[in-house]
């Protein structure tokens, strides 16, 4: 089925987590064993929440272990556009991308190519903050569960280049004067920089560009044929790329 994206010809997986947008009454799924009746209740619930929270458009998928029971689009791509959302409409994944980055890291752990209990500096010798003694204690696991102590709002959304070495230089500049908010493993603070560092870790461990590794080892095996990458400049300037590119911050496919 054909689809239209309002600003970008990019491909992302159709993953929708209702809790990201509004409180959804999950127990509606258990109201009846009759699928048609349940779908009717779902439609009513979705449309009511869209009105309440001023959501112009969204797509929904009810998926069991075996198959998709129901997929549907609701509303419009944008408030001022007439193009309707359908079950094939692509959406930016935003920070759901972190799930796939984590999957890639754990895949490498299973293959014995890295150890999540190792300090990050073991793999990225250039990594440091304003206190090397403390930042040297940050492990790969700390990045995965956001207990590294790196402060929130720290990210690579303003990356000036897609080149790995240029990104590393920019990371070093950002991190050198950063103070950790707590000792590694002693607290929780969500920050995109944890995932930005994991992206470089994947590249250094595999010797492959991040985009290539994700394409071959994550997306293709999962049948995610419409999943791709974007840069923040595409959002800022509303560009319409004809090809897949990646987000330096992987807000990535996913920041």
C-alpha atoms as a PDB file:
ATOM      1  CA  UNK A   1       0.000   0.000   0.000  1.00  0.00           C
ATOM      2  CA  UNK A   2       1.369   3.429  -0.868  1.00  0.00           C
ATOM      3  CA  UNK A   3       1.961   6.006   1.811  1.00  0.00           C
ATOM      4  CA  UNK A   4       2.958   9.637   2.112  1.00  0.00           C
ATOM      5  CA  UNK A   5       5.236  11.269   4.662  1.00  0.00           C
ATOM      6  CA  UNK A   6       4.599  14.934   5.385  1.00  0.00           C
ATOM      7  CA  UNK A   7       8.221  16.030   5.518  1.00  0.00           C
ATOM      8  CA  UNK A   8      10.551  13.126   4.919  1.00  0.00           C
ATOM      9  CA  UNK A   9      10.976  10.122   2.662  1.00  0.00           C
ATOM     10  CA  UNK A  10      12.425   8.142   5.494  1.00  0.00           C
ATOM     11  CA  UNK A  11      11.591   4.656   6.657  1.00  0.00           C
ATOM     12  CA  UNK A  12      10.980   3.744  10.253  1.00  0.00           C
ATOM     13  CA  UNK A  13       9.329   0.781  11.869  1.00  0.00           C
ATOM     14  CA  UNK A  14       5.659   1.064  12.727  1.00  0.00           C
ATOM     15  CA  UNK A  15       6.089   0.857  16.461  1.00  0.00           C
ATOM     16  CA  UNK A  16       3.529   2.614  18.604  1.00  0.00           C
ATOM     17  CA  UNK A  17       3.573   2.768  22.367  1.00  0.00           C
ATOM     18  CA  UNK A  18       0.358   4.324  23.634  1.00  0.00           C
ATOM     19  CA  UNK A  19       1.777   5.265  27.000  1.00  0.00           C
ATOM     20  CA  UNK A  20       4.085   7.723  25.273  1.00  0.00           C
ATOM     21  CA  UNK A  21       1.075   9.848  24.330  1.00  0.00           C
ATOM     22  CA  UNK A  22      -1.789   9.203  26.678  1.00  0.00           C
ATOM     23  CA  UNK A  23      -3.252   6.882  29.257  1.00  0.00           C
ATOM     24  CA  UNK A  24      -4.828   3.978  27.446  1.00  0.00           C
ATOM     25  CA  UNK A  25      -7.352   1.640  29.003  1.00  0.00           C
ATOM     26  CA  UNK A  26      -5.602  -1.652  28.264  1.00  0.00           C
ATOM     27  CA  UNK A  27      -8.380  -3.656  29.891  1.00  0.00           C
ATOM     28  CA  UNK A  28     -10.523  -2.910  26.853  1.00  0.00           C
ATOM     29  CA  UNK A  29      -8.696  -5.822  25.199  1.00  0.00           C
ATOM     30  CA  UNK A  30     -10.094  -8.205  27.786  1.00  0.00           C
ATOM     31  CA  UNK A  31     -13.700  -7.034  27.568  1.00  0.00           C
ATOM     32  CA  UNK A  32     -14.740  -9.610  25.035  1.00  0.00           C
ATOM     33  CA  UNK A  33     -13.481 -12.611  23.163  1.00  0.00           C
ATOM     34  CA  UNK A  34     -15.250 -11.246  20.115  1.00  0.00           C
ATOM     35  CA  UNK A  35     -12.587  -9.555  17.989  1.00  0.00           C
ATOM     36  CA  UNK A  36     -15.006  -7.295  16.120  1.00  0.00           C
ATOM     37  CA  UNK A  37     -16.557  -6.063  19.345  1.00  0.00           C
ATOM     38  CA  UNK A  38     -13.142  -5.442  20.854  1.00  0.00           C
ATOM     39  CA  UNK A  39     -12.023  -3.527  17.754  1.00  0.00           C
ATOM     40  CA  UNK A  40     -15.099  -1.328  18.015  1.00  0.00           C
ATOM     41  CA  UNK A  41     -14.232  -0.530  21.630  1.00  0.00           C
ATOM     42  CA  UNK A  42     -10.613   0.153  20.649  1.00  0.00           C
ATOM     43  CA  UNK A  43     -11.683   2.585  17.933  1.00  0.00           C
ATOM     44  CA  UNK A  44     -13.887   4.481  20.383  1.00  0.00           C
ATOM     45  CA  UNK A  45     -11.136   4.616  22.993  1.00  0.00           C
ATOM     46  CA  UNK A  46      -8.525   5.819  20.506  1.00  0.00           C
ATOM     47  CA  UNK A  47     -10.727   8.521  18.988  1.00  0.00           C
ATOM     48  CA  UNK A  48     -11.778   9.775  22.437  1.00  0.00           C
ATOM     49  CA  UNK A  49      -8.155  10.057  23.574  1.00  0.00           C
ATOM     50  CA  UNK A  50      -7.146  11.806  20.355  1.00  0.00           C
ATOM     51  CA  UNK A  51      -9.807  14.451  20.990  1.00  0.00           C
ATOM     52  CA  UNK A  52      -8.825  14.825  24.634  1.00  0.00           C
ATOM     53  CA  UNK A  53      -5.111  15.215  23.922  1.00  0.00           C
ATOM     54  CA  UNK A  54      -5.331  17.075  20.592  1.00  0.00           C
ATOM     55  CA  UNK A  55      -3.516  14.353  18.656  1.00  0.00           C
ATOM     56  CA  UNK A  56      -3.877  15.040  14.908  1.00  0.00           C
ATOM     57  CA  UNK A  57      -3.036  11.556  13.710  1.00  0.00           C
ATOM     58  CA  UNK A  58      -1.706   8.184  14.762  1.00  0.00           C
ATOM     59  CA  UNK A  59      -1.627   4.525  13.782  1.00  0.00           C
ATOM     60  CA  UNK A  60      -2.488   1.526  15.921  1.00  0.00           C
ATOM     61  CA  UNK A  61      -1.587  -2.150  15.800  1.00  0.00           C
ATOM     62  CA  UNK A  62      -3.089  -4.911  17.947  1.00  0.00           C
ATOM     63  CA  UNK A  63      -0.592  -7.740  17.704  1.00  0.00           C
ATOM     64  CA  UNK A  64      -0.647 -11.195  19.258  1.00  0.00           C
ATOM     65  CA  UNK A  65       2.251 -13.625  19.419  1.00  0.00           C
ATOM     66  CA  UNK A  66       1.096 -15.151  16.147  1.00  0.00           C
ATOM     67  CA  UNK A  67      -0.123 -12.253  14.022  1.00  0.00           C
ATOM     68  CA  UNK A  68      -1.514  -8.737  13.755  1.00  0.00           C
ATOM     69  CA  UNK A  69      -5.209  -8.885  14.573  1.00  0.00           C
ATOM     70  CA  UNK A  70      -5.977  -5.281  13.723  1.00  0.00           C
ATOM     71  CA  UNK A  71      -4.102  -2.354  12.190  1.00  0.00           C
ATOM     72  CA  UNK A  72      -5.607   1.039  11.463  1.00  0.00           C
ATOM     73  CA  UNK A  73      -4.708   4.678  10.931  1.00  0.00           C
ATOM     74  CA  UNK A  74      -6.554   7.576  12.558  1.00  0.00           C
ATOM     75  CA  UNK A  75      -6.598  11.275  11.749  1.00  0.00           C
ATOM     76  CA  UNK A  76      -4.195  13.288   9.628  1.00  0.00           C
ATOM     77  CA  UNK A  77      -0.442  13.509   9.187  1.00  0.00           C
ATOM     78  CA  UNK A  78      -0.544  17.111  10.364  1.00  0.00           C
ATOM     79  CA  UNK A  79      -3.246  19.444  11.581  1.00  0.00           C
ATOM     80  CA  UNK A  80      -3.066  21.595   8.445  1.00  0.00           C
ATOM     81  CA  UNK A  81      -2.826  18.724   5.967  1.00  0.00           C
ATOM     82  CA  UNK A  82      -5.493  16.582   4.387  1.00  0.00           C
ATOM     83  CA  UNK A  83      -3.361  13.438   4.002  1.00  0.00           C
ATOM     84  CA  UNK A  84      -4.770  10.716   6.227  1.00  0.00           C
ATOM     85  CA  UNK A  85      -2.738   8.397   8.420  1.00  0.00           C
ATOM     86  CA  UNK A  86      -3.069   4.712   7.572  1.00  0.00           C
ATOM     87  CA  UNK A  87      -1.477   1.507   8.810  1.00  0.00           C
ATOM     88  CA  UNK A  88       1.429   2.006   6.381  1.00  0.00           C
ATOM     89  CA  UNK A  89       2.263   5.570   7.461  1.00  0.00           C
ATOM     90  CA  UNK A  90       5.830   5.940   8.718  1.00  0.00           C
ATOM     91  CA  UNK A  91       6.625   7.686  11.982  1.00  0.00           C
ATOM     92  CA  UNK A  92       9.875   8.858  13.510  1.00  0.00           C
ATOM     93  CA  UNK A  93      10.788   6.480  16.300  1.00  0.00           C
ATOM     94  CA  UNK A  94      12.538   9.026  18.485  1.00  0.00           C
ATOM     95  CA  UNK A  95      13.973   7.490  21.625  1.00  0.00           C
ATOM     96  CA  UNK A  96      12.397   4.109  20.924  1.00  0.00           C
ATOM     97  CA  UNK A  97      15.554   3.797  18.831  1.00  0.00           C
ATOM     98  CA  UNK A  98      17.440   3.109  22.042  1.00  0.00           C
ATOM     99  CA  UNK A  99      15.790  -0.299  22.244  1.00  0.00           C
ATOM    100  CA  UNK A 100      17.441  -1.333  18.987  1.00  0.00           C
ATOM    101  CA  UNK A 101      20.825   0.058  19.987  1.00  0.00           C
ATOM    102  CA  UNK A 102      20.600  -1.950  23.199  1.00  0.00           C
ATOM    103  CA  UNK A 103      19.713  -5.044  21.175  1.00  0.00           C
ATOM    104  CA  UNK A 104      22.811  -4.550  19.022  1.00  0.00           C
ATOM    105  CA  UNK A 105      25.065  -4.180  22.076  1.00  0.00           C
ATOM    106  CA  UNK A 106      23.680  -7.318  23.727  1.00  0.00           C
ATOM    107  CA  UNK A 107      24.067  -9.165  20.438  1.00  0.00           C
ATOM    108  CA  UNK A 108      27.784  -8.326  20.511  1.00  0.00           C
ATOM    109  CA  UNK A 109      27.920  -9.404  24.160  1.00  0.00           C
ATOM    110  CA  UNK A 110      26.485 -12.817  23.235  1.00  0.00           C
ATOM    111  CA  UNK A 111      29.086 -13.145  20.502  1.00  0.00           C
ATOM    112  CA  UNK A 112      31.866 -12.426  22.981  1.00  0.00           C
ATOM    113  CA  UNK A 113      32.924  -9.281  21.143  1.00  0.00           C
ATOM    114  CA  UNK A 114      32.406  -7.048  24.158  1.00  0.00           C
ATOM    115  CA  UNK A 115      31.646  -7.321  27.857  1.00  0.00           C
ATOM    116  CA  UNK A 116      29.029  -4.985  29.313  1.00  0.00           C
ATOM    117  CA  UNK A 117      30.788  -5.158  32.704  1.00  0.00           C
ATOM    118  CA  UNK A 118      33.964  -3.666  31.251  1.00  0.00           C
ATOM    119  CA  UNK A 119      34.670   0.060  31.724  1.00  0.00           C
ATOM    120  CA  UNK A 120      33.772   2.035  28.603  1.00  0.00           C
ATOM    121  CA  UNK A 121      37.320   3.402  28.480  1.00  0.00           C
ATOM    122  CA  UNK A 122      38.508  -0.156  27.755  1.00  0.00           C
ATOM    123  CA  UNK A 123      36.861   0.175  24.336  1.00  0.00           C
ATOM    124  CA  UNK A 124      36.939   3.953  23.892  1.00  0.00           C
ATOM    125  CA  UNK A 125      40.285   5.076  25.394  1.00  0.00           C
ATOM    126  CA  UNK A 126      39.507   8.726  24.669  1.00  0.00           C
ATOM    127  CA  UNK A 127      36.421   8.751  26.879  1.00  0.00           C
ATOM    128  CA  UNK A 128      36.670  10.961  29.957  1.00  0.00           C
ATOM    129  CA  UNK A 129      34.806  13.676  31.843  1.00  0.00           C
ATOM    130  CA  UNK A 130      36.231  16.404  34.085  1.00  0.00           C
ATOM    131  CA  UNK A 131      37.180  13.738  36.641  1.00  0.00           C
ATOM    132  CA  UNK A 132      38.920  10.869  34.898  1.00  0.00           C
ATOM    133  CA  UNK A 133      39.146   8.783  38.049  1.00  0.00           C
ATOM    134  CA  UNK A 134      35.357   8.626  38.337  1.00  0.00           C
ATOM    135  CA  UNK A 135      34.472   8.476  34.629  1.00  0.00           C
ATOM    136  CA  UNK A 136      36.874   5.551  34.199  1.00  0.00           C
ATOM    137  CA  UNK A 137      34.452   3.592  36.405  1.00  0.00           C
ATOM    138  CA  UNK A 138      31.582   3.933  33.908  1.00  0.00           C
ATOM    139  CA  UNK A 139      30.868   0.555  32.350  1.00  0.00           C
ATOM    140  CA  UNK A 140      28.947  -0.367  29.218  1.00  0.00           C
ATOM    141  CA  UNK A 141      26.149  -1.608  31.484  1.00  0.00           C
ATOM    142  CA  UNK A 142      25.925   1.837  33.103  1.00  0.00           C
ATOM    143  CA  UNK A 143      25.300   3.360  29.674  1.00  0.00           C
ATOM    144  CA  UNK A 144      22.639   0.757  28.892  1.00  0.00           C
ATOM    145  CA  UNK A 145      20.643   1.384  32.071  1.00  0.00           C
ATOM    146  CA  UNK A 146      21.301   5.139  32.321  1.00  0.00           C
ATOM    147  CA  UNK A 147      23.192   4.921  35.580  1.00  0.00           C
ATOM    148  CA  UNK A 148      26.448   6.368  34.221  1.00  0.00           C
ATOM    149  CA  UNK A 149      26.019   9.700  35.985  1.00  0.00           C
ATOM    150  CA  UNK A 150      26.213  11.681  32.737  1.00  0.00           C
ATOM    151  CA  UNK A 151      23.749  14.585  33.019  1.00  0.00           C
ATOM    152  CA  UNK A 152      20.484  14.841  31.130  1.00  0.00           C
ATOM    153  CA  UNK A 153      20.222  17.149  28.108  1.00  0.00           C
ATOM    154  CA  UNK A 154      23.694  16.015  27.085  1.00  0.00           C
ATOM    155  CA  UNK A 155      23.517  14.788  23.498  1.00  0.00           C
ATOM    156  CA  UNK A 156      24.876  14.915  19.971  1.00  0.00           C
ATOM    157  CA  UNK A 157      21.831  16.444  18.335  1.00  0.00           C
ATOM    158  CA  UNK A 158      24.042  19.236  17.009  1.00  0.00           C
ATOM    159  CA  UNK A 159      26.558  16.888  15.410  1.00  0.00           C
ATOM    160  CA  UNK A 160      28.358  18.734  12.635  1.00  0.00           C
ATOM    161  CA  UNK A 161      29.329  15.658  10.638  1.00  0.00           C
ATOM    162  CA  UNK A 162      28.333  12.049  10.007  1.00  0.00           C
ATOM    163  CA  UNK A 163      32.008  11.066   9.954  1.00  0.00           C
ATOM    164  CA  UNK A 164      32.841   8.945  12.997  1.00  0.00           C
ATOM    165  CA  UNK A 165      36.113  10.703  13.792  1.00  0.00           C
ATOM    166  CA  UNK A 166      34.454  14.111  13.605  1.00  0.00           C
ATOM    167  CA  UNK A 167      31.718  12.904  15.947  1.00  0.00           C
ATOM    168  CA  UNK A 168      34.286  11.584  18.393  1.00  0.00           C
ATOM    169  CA  UNK A 169      36.087  14.945  18.424  1.00  0.00           C
ATOM    170  CA  UNK A 170      32.820  16.705  19.151  1.00  0.00           C
ATOM    171  CA  UNK A 171      31.998  14.212  21.915  1.00  0.00           C
ATOM    172  CA  UNK A 172      35.376  14.800  23.542  1.00  0.00           C
ATOM    173  CA  UNK A 173      34.759  18.550  23.544  1.00  0.00           C
ATOM    174  CA  UNK A 174      31.344  18.082  25.116  1.00  0.00           C
ATOM    175  CA  UNK A 175      32.477  15.596  27.762  1.00  0.00           C
ATOM    176  CA  UNK A 176      35.783  17.061  28.924  1.00  0.00           C
ATOM    177  CA  UNK A 177      34.203  19.647  31.221  1.00  0.00           C
ATOM    178  CA  UNK A 178      31.194  17.595  32.278  1.00  0.00           C
ATOM    179  CA  UNK A 179      30.704  16.698  35.943  1.00  0.00           C
ATOM    180  CA  UNK A 180      28.843  13.496  36.729  1.00  0.00           C
ATOM    181  CA  UNK A 181      25.619  13.933  38.676  1.00  0.00           C
ATOM    182  CA  UNK A 182      26.387  10.843  40.770  1.00  0.00           C
ATOM    183  CA  UNK A 183      28.918   8.042  40.954  1.00  0.00           C
ATOM    184  CA  UNK A 184      28.463   5.395  38.256  1.00  0.00           C
ATOM    185  CA  UNK A 185      25.849   2.844  39.265  1.00  0.00           C
ATOM    186  CA  UNK A 186      24.654   4.897  42.240  1.00  0.00           C
ATOM    187  CA  UNK A 187      21.652   6.565  40.623  1.00  0.00           C
ATOM    188  CA  UNK A 188      19.567   6.971  37.494  1.00  0.00           C
ATOM    189  CA  UNK A 189      19.606   9.846  35.035  1.00  0.00           C
ATOM    190  CA  UNK A 190      18.279   9.516  31.503  1.00  0.00           C
ATOM    191  CA  UNK A 191      20.501  11.113  28.889  1.00  0.00           C
ATOM    192  CA  UNK A 192      20.919  10.688  25.144  1.00  0.00           C
ATOM    193  CA  UNK A 193      24.702  10.776  25.455  1.00  0.00           C
ATOM    194  CA  UNK A 194      24.647   7.253  26.899  1.00  0.00           C
ATOM    195  CA  UNK A 195      23.218   5.974  23.621  1.00  0.00           C
ATOM    196  CA  UNK A 196      25.415   8.243  21.516  1.00  0.00           C
ATOM    197  CA  UNK A 197      28.427   6.592  23.135  1.00  0.00           C
ATOM    198  CA  UNK A 198      26.959   3.120  22.552  1.00  0.00           C
ATOM    199  CA  UNK A 199      26.650   3.941  18.868  1.00  0.00           C
ATOM    200  CA  UNK A 200      30.375   4.653  18.655  1.00  0.00           C
ATOM    201  CA  UNK A 201      31.077   1.564  20.761  1.00  0.00           C
ATOM    202  CA  UNK A 202      29.250  -0.589  18.189  1.00  0.00           C
ATOM    203  CA  UNK A 203      31.266   0.977  15.377  1.00  0.00           C
ATOM    204  CA  UNK A 204      34.593   0.488  17.165  1.00  0.00           C
ATOM    205  CA  UNK A 205      33.780  -3.101  18.180  1.00  0.00           C
ATOM    206  CA  UNK A 206      32.581  -4.262  14.766  1.00  0.00           C
ATOM    207  CA  UNK A 207      34.714  -2.100  12.500  1.00  0.00           C
ATOM    208  CA  UNK A 208      31.526  -1.330  10.564  1.00  0.00           C
ATOM    209  CA  UNK A 209      29.595   1.905  10.124  1.00  0.00           C
ATOM    210  CA  UNK A 210      26.689   1.985  12.553  1.00  0.00           C
ATOM    211  CA  UNK A 211      24.136   2.127   9.746  1.00  0.00           C
ATOM    212  CA  UNK A 212      25.578  -0.938   8.011  1.00  0.00           C
ATOM    213  CA  UNK A 213      25.705  -3.005  11.167  1.00  0.00           C
ATOM    214  CA  UNK A 214      22.130  -2.184  12.146  1.00  0.00           C
ATOM    215  CA  UNK A 215      20.882  -2.886   8.627  1.00  0.00           C
ATOM    216  CA  UNK A 216      22.516  -6.302   8.329  1.00  0.00           C
ATOM    217  CA  UNK A 217      22.279  -7.615  11.881  1.00  0.00           C
ATOM    218  CA  UNK A 218      19.119  -6.046  13.281  1.00  0.00           C
ATOM    219  CA  UNK A 219      16.702  -4.733  10.645  1.00  0.00           C
ATOM    220  CA  UNK A 220      17.027  -7.357   7.923  1.00  0.00           C
ATOM    221  CA  UNK A 221      16.709 -10.349  10.281  1.00  0.00           C
ATOM    222  CA  UNK A 222      13.615  -8.741  11.812  1.00  0.00           C
ATOM    223  CA  UNK A 223      12.090  -8.004   8.410  1.00  0.00           C
ATOM    224  CA  UNK A 224      12.149  -4.249   9.099  1.00  0.00           C
ATOM    225  CA  UNK A 225      12.345  -3.213   5.468  1.00  0.00           C
ATOM    226  CA  UNK A 226      11.013   0.310   5.992  1.00  0.00           C
ATOM    227  CA  UNK A 227      13.405   1.284   8.773  1.00  0.00           C
ATOM    228  CA  UNK A 228      16.035   3.946   8.162  1.00  0.00           C
ATOM    229  CA  UNK A 229      17.858   6.944   9.555  1.00  0.00           C
ATOM    230  CA  UNK A 230      17.549  10.701   9.779  1.00  0.00           C
ATOM    231  CA  UNK A 231      19.621  13.697  10.828  1.00  0.00           C
ATOM    232  CA  UNK A 232      18.360  16.503  12.988  1.00  0.00           C
ATOM    233  CA  UNK A 233      18.998  18.960  10.169  1.00  0.00           C
ATOM    234  CA  UNK A 234      16.192  17.242   8.285  1.00  0.00           C
ATOM    235  CA  UNK A 235      13.832  18.210  11.056  1.00  0.00           C
ATOM    236  CA  UNK A 236      15.239  21.695  11.507  1.00  0.00           C
ATOM    237  CA  UNK A 237      15.123  22.597   7.825  1.00  0.00           C
ATOM    238  CA  UNK A 238      12.326  20.221   6.765  1.00  0.00           C
ATOM    239  CA  UNK A 239      14.505  18.521   4.194  1.00  0.00           C
ATOM    240  CA  UNK A 240      13.215  15.675   2.055  1.00  0.00           C
ATOM    241  CA  UNK A 241      16.088  13.235   1.499  1.00  0.00           C
ATOM    242  CA  UNK A 242      15.889  10.723  -1.314  1.00  0.00           C
ATOM    243  CA  UNK A 243      18.179   8.321   0.501  1.00  0.00           C
ATOM    244  CA  UNK A 244      18.685   6.859   3.938  1.00  0.00           C
ATOM    245  CA  UNK A 245      21.017   8.697   6.287  1.00  0.00           C
ATOM    246  CA  UNK A 246      21.583   8.296   9.962  1.00  0.00           C
ATOM    247  CA  UNK A 247      21.094  10.459  12.976  1.00  0.00           C
ATOM    248  CA  UNK A 248      24.390  11.142  14.632  1.00  0.00           C
ATOM    249  CA  UNK A 249      22.599  11.020  17.946  1.00  0.00           C
ATOM    250  CA  UNK A 250      20.472   8.040  17.089  1.00  0.00           C
ATOM    251  CA  UNK A 251      17.482   9.511  18.476  1.00  0.00           C
ATOM    252  CA  UNK A 252      18.539   7.809  16.438  1.00  0.00           C
ATOM    253  CA  UNK A 253      16.714   5.695  14.119  1.00  0.00           C
ATOM    254  CA  UNK A 254      16.395   6.249  16.652  1.00  0.00           C
ATOM    255  CA  UNK A 255      18.334   9.991  20.956  1.00  0.00           C
END
